[in-house]
Structure formats: C-alpha cells, structure tokens
Amino acid sequence: MDLEAARTAKESLDLAFHMSNILDTGLDRHTLSVLIALCDQGVNPEVLVGLVKELPKELPALP
C-alpha cells in the first residue's frame, strides 16, 4: 500500500469511527476496522450487524 492509499484508509477509518461514536455503537477502533475489512471482502453487512448485536448476549458476564 502506498503512502497516499494508507493516508486515505486512515482518514476513512477516522471518519467511520467518529460516526460510530456519534451513533453510540460501542465499537472500538479495532473492531470497526475488522468489520470494514470484512465488508470489503464481500461479507454481507446485515449479517455482521446481527453478529455484533448478538455476541454480547452470548458472552458470559465477567466478574
């Protein structure tokens, strides 16, 4: 990845993270980055939304 592409990718992630915070999604920057990468690879975004909503319900509460 050249420097311009890296800069554009960082700016895009920064913007997406800012929107995520405004929408109070609770996603951290790394998780958001992984979700975006999965979408870029062709994973259905609606399926990812379902997983993101369901995973916290499935994980046991930590003490």
PDB file of N, CA and C in Angstrom:
ATOM      1  N   MET A   1       0.853  -1.170   0.000  1.00  0.00           N
ATOM      2  CA  MET A   1       0.000   0.000   0.000  1.00  0.00           C
ATOM      3  C   MET A   1       0.901   1.237   0.000  1.00  0.00           C
ATOM      4  N   ASP A   2       0.652   2.145  -0.925  1.00  0.00           N
ATOM      5  CA  ASP A   2       1.475   3.343  -0.969  1.00  0.00           C
ATOM      6  C   ASP A   2       1.027   4.336   0.111  1.00  0.00           C
ATOM      7  N   LEU A   3       1.790   5.376   0.289  1.00  0.00           N
ATOM      8  CA  LEU A   3       1.520   6.344   1.362  1.00  0.00           C
ATOM      9  C   LEU A   3       0.176   7.038   1.192  1.00  0.00           C
ATOM     10  N   GLU A   4      -0.178   7.385  -0.035  1.00  0.00           N
ATOM     11  CA  GLU A   4      -1.460   8.060  -0.277  1.00  0.00           C
ATOM     12  C   GLU A   4      -2.627   7.146   0.062  1.00  0.00           C
ATOM     13  N   ALA A   5      -2.533   5.885  -0.324  1.00  0.00           N
ATOM     14  CA  ALA A   5      -3.596   4.929  -0.016  1.00  0.00           C
ATOM     15  C   ALA A   5      -3.699   4.700   1.493  1.00  0.00           C
ATOM     16  N   ALA A   6      -2.565   4.630   2.164  1.00  0.00           N
ATOM     17  CA  ALA A   6      -2.568   4.454   3.619  1.00  0.00           C
ATOM     18  C   ALA A   6      -3.195   5.657   4.311  1.00  0.00           C
ATOM     19  N   ARG A   7      -2.878   6.853   3.821  1.00  0.00           N
ATOM     20  CA  ARG A   7      -3.445   8.075   4.404  1.00  0.00           C
ATOM     21  C   ARG A   7      -4.961   8.108   4.206  1.00  0.00           C
ATOM     22  N   THR A   8      -5.397   7.750   3.000  1.00  0.00           N
ATOM     23  CA  THR A   8      -6.832   7.739   2.710  1.00  0.00           C
ATOM     24  C   THR A   8      -7.553   6.705   3.575  1.00  0.00           C
ATOM     25  N   ALA A   9      -6.955   5.527   3.734  1.00  0.00           N
ATOM     26  CA  ALA A   9      -7.554   4.486   4.570  1.00  0.00           C
ATOM     27  C   ALA A   9      -7.662   4.946   6.019  1.00  0.00           C
ATOM     28  N   LYS A  10      -6.625   5.607   6.534  1.00  0.00           N
ATOM     29  CA  LYS A  10      -6.658   6.108   7.911  1.00  0.00           C
ATOM     30  C   LYS A  10      -7.734   7.169   8.077  1.00  0.00           C
ATOM     31  N   GLU A  11      -7.833   8.071   7.106  1.00  0.00           N
ATOM     32  CA  GLU A  11      -8.855   9.121   7.181  1.00  0.00           C
ATOM     33  C   GLU A  11     -10.257   8.518   7.134  1.00  0.00           C
ATOM     34  N   SER A  12     -10.444   7.505   6.305  1.00  0.00           N
ATOM     35  CA  SER A  12     -11.744   6.845   6.207  1.00  0.00           C
ATOM     36  C   SER A  12     -12.107   6.152   7.517  1.00  0.00           C
ATOM     37  N   LEU A  13     -11.133   5.467   8.123  1.00  0.00           N
ATOM     38  CA  LEU A  13     -11.387   4.813   9.401  1.00  0.00           C
ATOM     39  C   LEU A  13     -11.668   5.852  10.486  1.00  0.00           C
ATOM     40  N   ASP A  14     -10.934   6.946  10.488  1.00  0.00           N
ATOM     41  CA  ASP A  14     -11.182   8.017  11.465  1.00  0.00           C
ATOM     42  C   ASP A  14     -12.605   8.539  11.343  1.00  0.00           C
ATOM     43  N   LEU A  15     -13.069   8.762  10.109  1.00  0.00           N
ATOM     44  CA  LEU A  15     -14.422   9.259   9.886  1.00  0.00           C
ATOM     45  C   LEU A  15     -15.461   8.231  10.320  1.00  0.00           C
ATOM     46  N   ALA A  16     -15.246   6.973   9.952  1.00  0.00           N
ATOM     47  CA  ALA A  16     -16.181   5.920  10.349  1.00  0.00           C
ATOM     48  C   ALA A  16     -16.228   5.779  11.869  1.00  0.00           C
ATOM     49  N   PHE A  17     -15.082   5.893  12.529  1.00  0.00           N
ATOM     50  CA  PHE A  17     -15.035   5.793  13.989  1.00  0.00           C
ATOM     51  C   PHE A  17     -15.764   6.974  14.633  1.00  0.00           C
ATOM     52  N   HIS A  18     -15.592   8.154  14.057  1.00  0.00           N
ATOM     53  CA  HIS A  18     -16.288   9.339  14.568  1.00  0.00           C
ATOM     54  C   HIS A  18     -17.807   9.140  14.444  1.00  0.00           C
ATOM     55  N   MET A  19     -18.268   8.656  13.300  1.00  0.00           N
ATOM     56  CA  MET A  19     -19.702   8.401  13.114  1.00  0.00           C
ATOM     57  C   MET A  19     -20.183   7.322  14.077  1.00  0.00           C
ATOM     58  N   SER A  20     -19.359   6.301  14.283  1.00  0.00           N
ATOM     59  CA  SER A  20     -19.700   5.233  15.205  1.00  0.00           C
ATOM     60  C   SER A  20     -19.890   5.770  16.621  1.00  0.00           C
ATOM     61  N   ASN A  21     -19.026   6.693  17.010  1.00  0.00           N
ATOM     62  CA  ASN A  21     -19.150   7.297  18.344  1.00  0.00           C
ATOM     63  C   ASN A  21     -20.393   8.165  18.448  1.00  0.00           C
ATOM     64  N   ILE A  22     -20.695   8.921  17.400  1.00  0.00           N
ATOM     65  CA  ILE A  22     -21.902   9.754  17.410  1.00  0.00           C
ATOM     66  C   ILE A  22     -23.145   8.873  17.557  1.00  0.00           C
ATOM     67  N   LEU A  23     -23.130   7.736  16.882  1.00  0.00           N
ATOM     68  CA  LEU A  23     -24.259   6.814  16.946  1.00  0.00           C
ATOM     69  C   LEU A  23     -24.241   5.934  18.194  1.00  0.00           C
ATOM     70  N   ASP A  24     -23.202   6.095  19.013  1.00  0.00           N
ATOM     71  CA  ASP A  24     -23.066   5.362  20.271  1.00  0.00           C
ATOM     72  C   ASP A  24     -23.164   3.846  20.063  1.00  0.00           C
ATOM     73  N   THR A  25     -22.375   3.342  19.091  1.00  0.00           N
ATOM     74  CA  THR A  25     -22.399   1.913  18.788  1.00  0.00           C
ATOM     75  C   THR A  25     -21.639   1.083  19.811  1.00  0.00           C
ATOM     76  N   GLY A  26     -20.696   1.703  20.510  1.00  0.00           N
ATOM     77  CA  GLY A  26     -19.881   0.967  21.472  1.00  0.00           C
ATOM     78  C   GLY A  26     -18.737   0.207  20.825  1.00  0.00           C
ATOM     79  N   LEU A  27     -18.530   0.394  19.520  1.00  0.00           N
ATOM     80  CA  LEU A  27     -17.443  -0.299  18.830  1.00  0.00           C
ATOM     81  C   LEU A  27     -16.136   0.452  19.022  1.00  0.00           C
ATOM     82  N   ASP A  28     -15.069  -0.295  19.300  1.00  0.00           N
ATOM     83  CA  ASP A  28     -13.758   0.350  19.370  1.00  0.00           C
ATOM     84  C   ASP A  28     -13.180   0.442  17.960  1.00  0.00           C
ATOM     85  N   ARG A  29     -12.100   1.177  17.820  1.00  0.00           N
ATOM     86  CA  ARG A  29     -11.499   1.429  16.506  1.00  0.00           C
ATOM     87  C   ARG A  29     -11.058   0.116  15.831  1.00  0.00           C
ATOM     88  N   HIS A  30     -10.488  -0.787  16.609  1.00  0.00           N
ATOM     89  CA  HIS A  30     -10.006  -2.050  16.032  1.00  0.00           C
ATOM     90  C   HIS A  30     -11.172  -2.891  15.511  1.00  0.00           C
ATOM     91  N   THR A  31     -12.213  -3.029  16.303  1.00  0.00           N
ATOM     92  CA  THR A  31     -13.377  -3.808  15.895  1.00  0.00           C
ATOM     93  C   THR A  31     -14.009  -3.218  14.647  1.00  0.00           C
ATOM     94  N   LEU A  32     -14.139  -1.900  14.620  1.00  0.00           N
ATOM     95  CA  LEU A  32     -14.696  -1.237  13.450  1.00  0.00           C
ATOM     96  C   LEU A  32     -13.837  -1.499  12.220  1.00  0.00           C
ATOM     97  N   SER A  33     -12.535  -1.458  12.394  1.00  0.00           N
ATOM     98  CA  SER A  33     -11.615  -1.732  11.296  1.00  0.00           C
ATOM     99  C   SER A  33     -11.805  -3.147  10.760  1.00  0.00           C
ATOM    100  N   VAL A  34     -11.959  -4.114  11.650  1.00  0.00           N
ATOM    101  CA  VAL A  34     -12.173  -5.501  11.235  1.00  0.00           C
ATOM    102  C   VAL A  34     -13.502  -5.636  10.487  1.00  0.00           C
ATOM    103  N   LEU A  35     -14.542  -4.992  10.992  1.00  0.00           N
ATOM    104  CA  LEU A  35     -15.842  -5.058  10.332  1.00  0.00           C
ATOM    105  C   LEU A  35     -15.798  -4.453   8.931  1.00  0.00           C
ATOM    106  N   ILE A  36     -15.107  -3.328   8.796  1.00  0.00           N
ATOM    107  CA  ILE A  36     -14.964  -2.694   7.481  1.00  0.00           C
ATOM    108  C   ILE A  36     -14.190  -3.606   6.540  1.00  0.00           C
ATOM    109  N   ALA A  37     -13.121  -4.222   7.040  1.00  0.00           N
ATOM    110  CA  ALA A  37     -12.331  -5.136   6.209  1.00  0.00           C
ATOM    111  C   ALA A  37     -13.175  -6.328   5.756  1.00  0.00           C
ATOM    112  N   LEU A  38     -14.009  -6.847   6.633  1.00  0.00           N
ATOM    113  CA  LEU A  38     -14.885  -7.964   6.255  1.00  0.00           C
ATOM    114  C   LEU A  38     -15.872  -7.537   5.172  1.00  0.00           C
ATOM    115  N   CYS A  39     -16.419  -6.342   5.296  1.00  0.00           N
ATOM    116  CA  CYS A  39     -17.322  -5.825   4.253  1.00  0.00           C
ATOM    117  C   CYS A  39     -16.578  -5.678   2.937  1.00  0.00           C
ATOM    118  N   ASP A  40     -15.353  -5.187   3.000  1.00  0.00           N
ATOM    119  CA  ASP A  40     -14.535  -5.042   1.788  1.00  0.00           C
ATOM    120  C   ASP A  40     -14.277  -6.389   1.128  1.00  0.00           C
ATOM    121  N   GLN A  41     -14.277  -7.463   1.916  1.00  0.00           N
ATOM    122  CA  GLN A  41     -14.049  -8.807   1.393  1.00  0.00           C
ATOM    123  C   GLN A  41     -15.334  -9.467   0.896  1.00  0.00           C
ATOM    124  N   GLY A  42     -16.448  -8.743   1.023  1.00  0.00           N
ATOM    125  CA  GLY A  42     -17.707  -9.253   0.486  1.00  0.00           C
ATOM    126  C   GLY A  42     -18.666  -9.839   1.493  1.00  0.00           C
ATOM    127  N   VAL A  43     -18.345  -9.760   2.778  1.00  0.00           N
ATOM    128  CA  VAL A  43     -19.264 -10.273   3.796  1.00  0.00           C
ATOM    129  C   VAL A  43     -20.482  -9.355   3.843  1.00  0.00           C
ATOM    130  N   ASN A  44     -21.644  -9.952   3.955  1.00  0.00           N
ATOM    131  CA  ASN A  44     -22.890  -9.205   3.996  1.00  0.00           C
ATOM    132  C   ASN A  44     -22.932  -8.332   5.262  1.00  0.00           C
ATOM    133  N   PRO A  45     -23.048  -7.001   5.106  1.00  0.00           N
ATOM    134  CA  PRO A  45     -23.068  -6.114   6.281  1.00  0.00           C
ATOM    135  C   PRO A  45     -24.235  -6.387   7.229  1.00  0.00           C
ATOM    136  N   GLU A  46     -25.370  -6.812   6.676  1.00  0.00           N
ATOM    137  CA  GLU A  46     -26.523  -7.094   7.534  1.00  0.00           C
ATOM    138  C   GLU A  46     -26.251  -8.298   8.435  1.00  0.00           C
ATOM    139  N   VAL A  47     -25.506  -9.259   7.935  1.00  0.00           N
ATOM    140  CA  VAL A  47     -25.128 -10.416   8.749  1.00  0.00           C
ATOM    141  C   VAL A  47     -24.192  -9.967   9.870  1.00  0.00           C
ATOM    142  N   LEU A  48     -23.243  -9.090   9.540  1.00  0.00           N
ATOM    143  CA  LEU A  48     -22.322  -8.578  10.564  1.00  0.00           C
ATOM    144  C   LEU A  48     -23.073  -7.823  11.649  1.00  0.00           C
ATOM    145  N   VAL A  49     -24.061  -7.040  11.258  1.00  0.00           N
ATOM    146  CA  VAL A  49     -24.859  -6.304  12.249  1.00  0.00           C
ATOM    147  C   VAL A  49     -25.513  -7.292  13.215  1.00  0.00           C
ATOM    148  N   GLY A  50     -26.070  -8.349  12.675  1.00  0.00           N
ATOM    149  CA  GLY A  50     -26.699  -9.359  13.528  1.00  0.00           C
ATOM    150  C   GLY A  50     -25.712  -9.981  14.496  1.00  0.00           C
ATOM    151  N   LEU A  51     -24.510 -10.283  14.005  1.00  0.00           N
ATOM    152  CA  LEU A  51     -23.490 -10.855  14.883  1.00  0.00           C
ATOM    153  C   LEU A  51     -23.063  -9.877  15.974  1.00  0.00           C
ATOM    154  N   VAL A  52     -22.851  -8.632  15.598  1.00  0.00           N
ATOM    155  CA  VAL A  52     -22.412  -7.631  16.567  1.00  0.00           C
ATOM    156  C   VAL A  52     -23.473  -7.432  17.648  1.00  0.00           C
ATOM    157  N   LYS A  53     -24.727  -7.512  17.267  1.00  0.00           N
ATOM    158  CA  LYS A  53     -25.810  -7.355  18.250  1.00  0.00           C
ATOM    159  C   LYS A  53     -25.937  -8.572  19.158  1.00  0.00           C
ATOM    160  N   GLU A  54     -25.702  -9.760  18.603  1.00  0.00           N
ATOM    161  CA  GLU A  54     -25.917 -10.992  19.360  1.00  0.00           C
ATOM    162  C   GLU A  54     -24.734 -11.414  20.217  1.00  0.00           C
ATOM    163  N   LEU A  55     -23.517 -11.119  19.803  1.00  0.00           N
ATOM    164  CA  LEU A  55     -22.351 -11.590  20.546  1.00  0.00           C
ATOM    165  C   LEU A  55     -22.337 -11.157  22.011  1.00  0.00           C
ATOM    166  N   PRO A  56     -22.615  -9.903  22.333  1.00  0.00           N
ATOM    167  CA  PRO A  56     -22.593  -9.543  23.752  1.00  0.00           C
ATOM    168  C   PRO A  56     -23.610 -10.333  24.579  1.00  0.00           C
ATOM    169  N   LYS A  57     -24.710 -10.739  23.978  1.00  0.00           N
ATOM    170  CA  LYS A  57     -25.713 -11.525  24.696  1.00  0.00           C
ATOM    171  C   LYS A  57     -25.218 -12.935  24.951  1.00  0.00           C
ATOM    172  N   GLU A  58     -24.370 -13.437  24.053  1.00  0.00           N
ATOM    173  CA  GLU A  58     -23.887 -14.806  24.140  1.00  0.00           C
ATOM    174  C   GLU A  58     -22.698 -14.955  25.089  1.00  0.00           C
ATOM    175  N   LEU A  59     -21.931 -13.890  25.260  1.00  0.00           N
ATOM    176  CA  LEU A  59     -20.745 -13.963  26.110  1.00  0.00           C
ATOM    177  C   LEU A  59     -21.137 -13.921  27.576  1.00  0.00           C
ATOM    178  N   PRO A  60     -20.529 -14.761  28.396  1.00  0.00           N
ATOM    179  CA  PRO A  60     -20.859 -14.720  29.828  1.00  0.00           C
ATOM    180  C   PRO A  60     -20.371 -13.407  30.449  1.00  0.00           C
ATOM    181  N   ALA A  61     -21.106 -12.951  31.411  1.00  0.00           N
ATOM    182  CA  ALA A  61     -20.722 -11.730  32.107  1.00  0.00           C
ATOM    183  C   ALA A  61     -19.438 -11.973  32.898  1.00  0.00           C
ATOM    184  N   LEU A  62     -18.500 -11.058  32.764  1.00  0.00           N
ATOM    185  CA  LEU A  62     -17.256 -11.187  33.508  1.00  0.00           C
ATOM    186  C   LEU A  62     -17.422 -10.588  34.900  1.00  0.00           C
ATOM    187  N   PRO A  63     -16.819 -11.217  35.913  1.00  0.00           N
ATOM    188  CA  PRO A  63     -16.970 -10.698  37.285  1.00  0.00           C
ATOM    189  C   PRO A  63     -16.280  -9.382  37.478  1.00  0.00           C
TER     190      PRO A  63
END
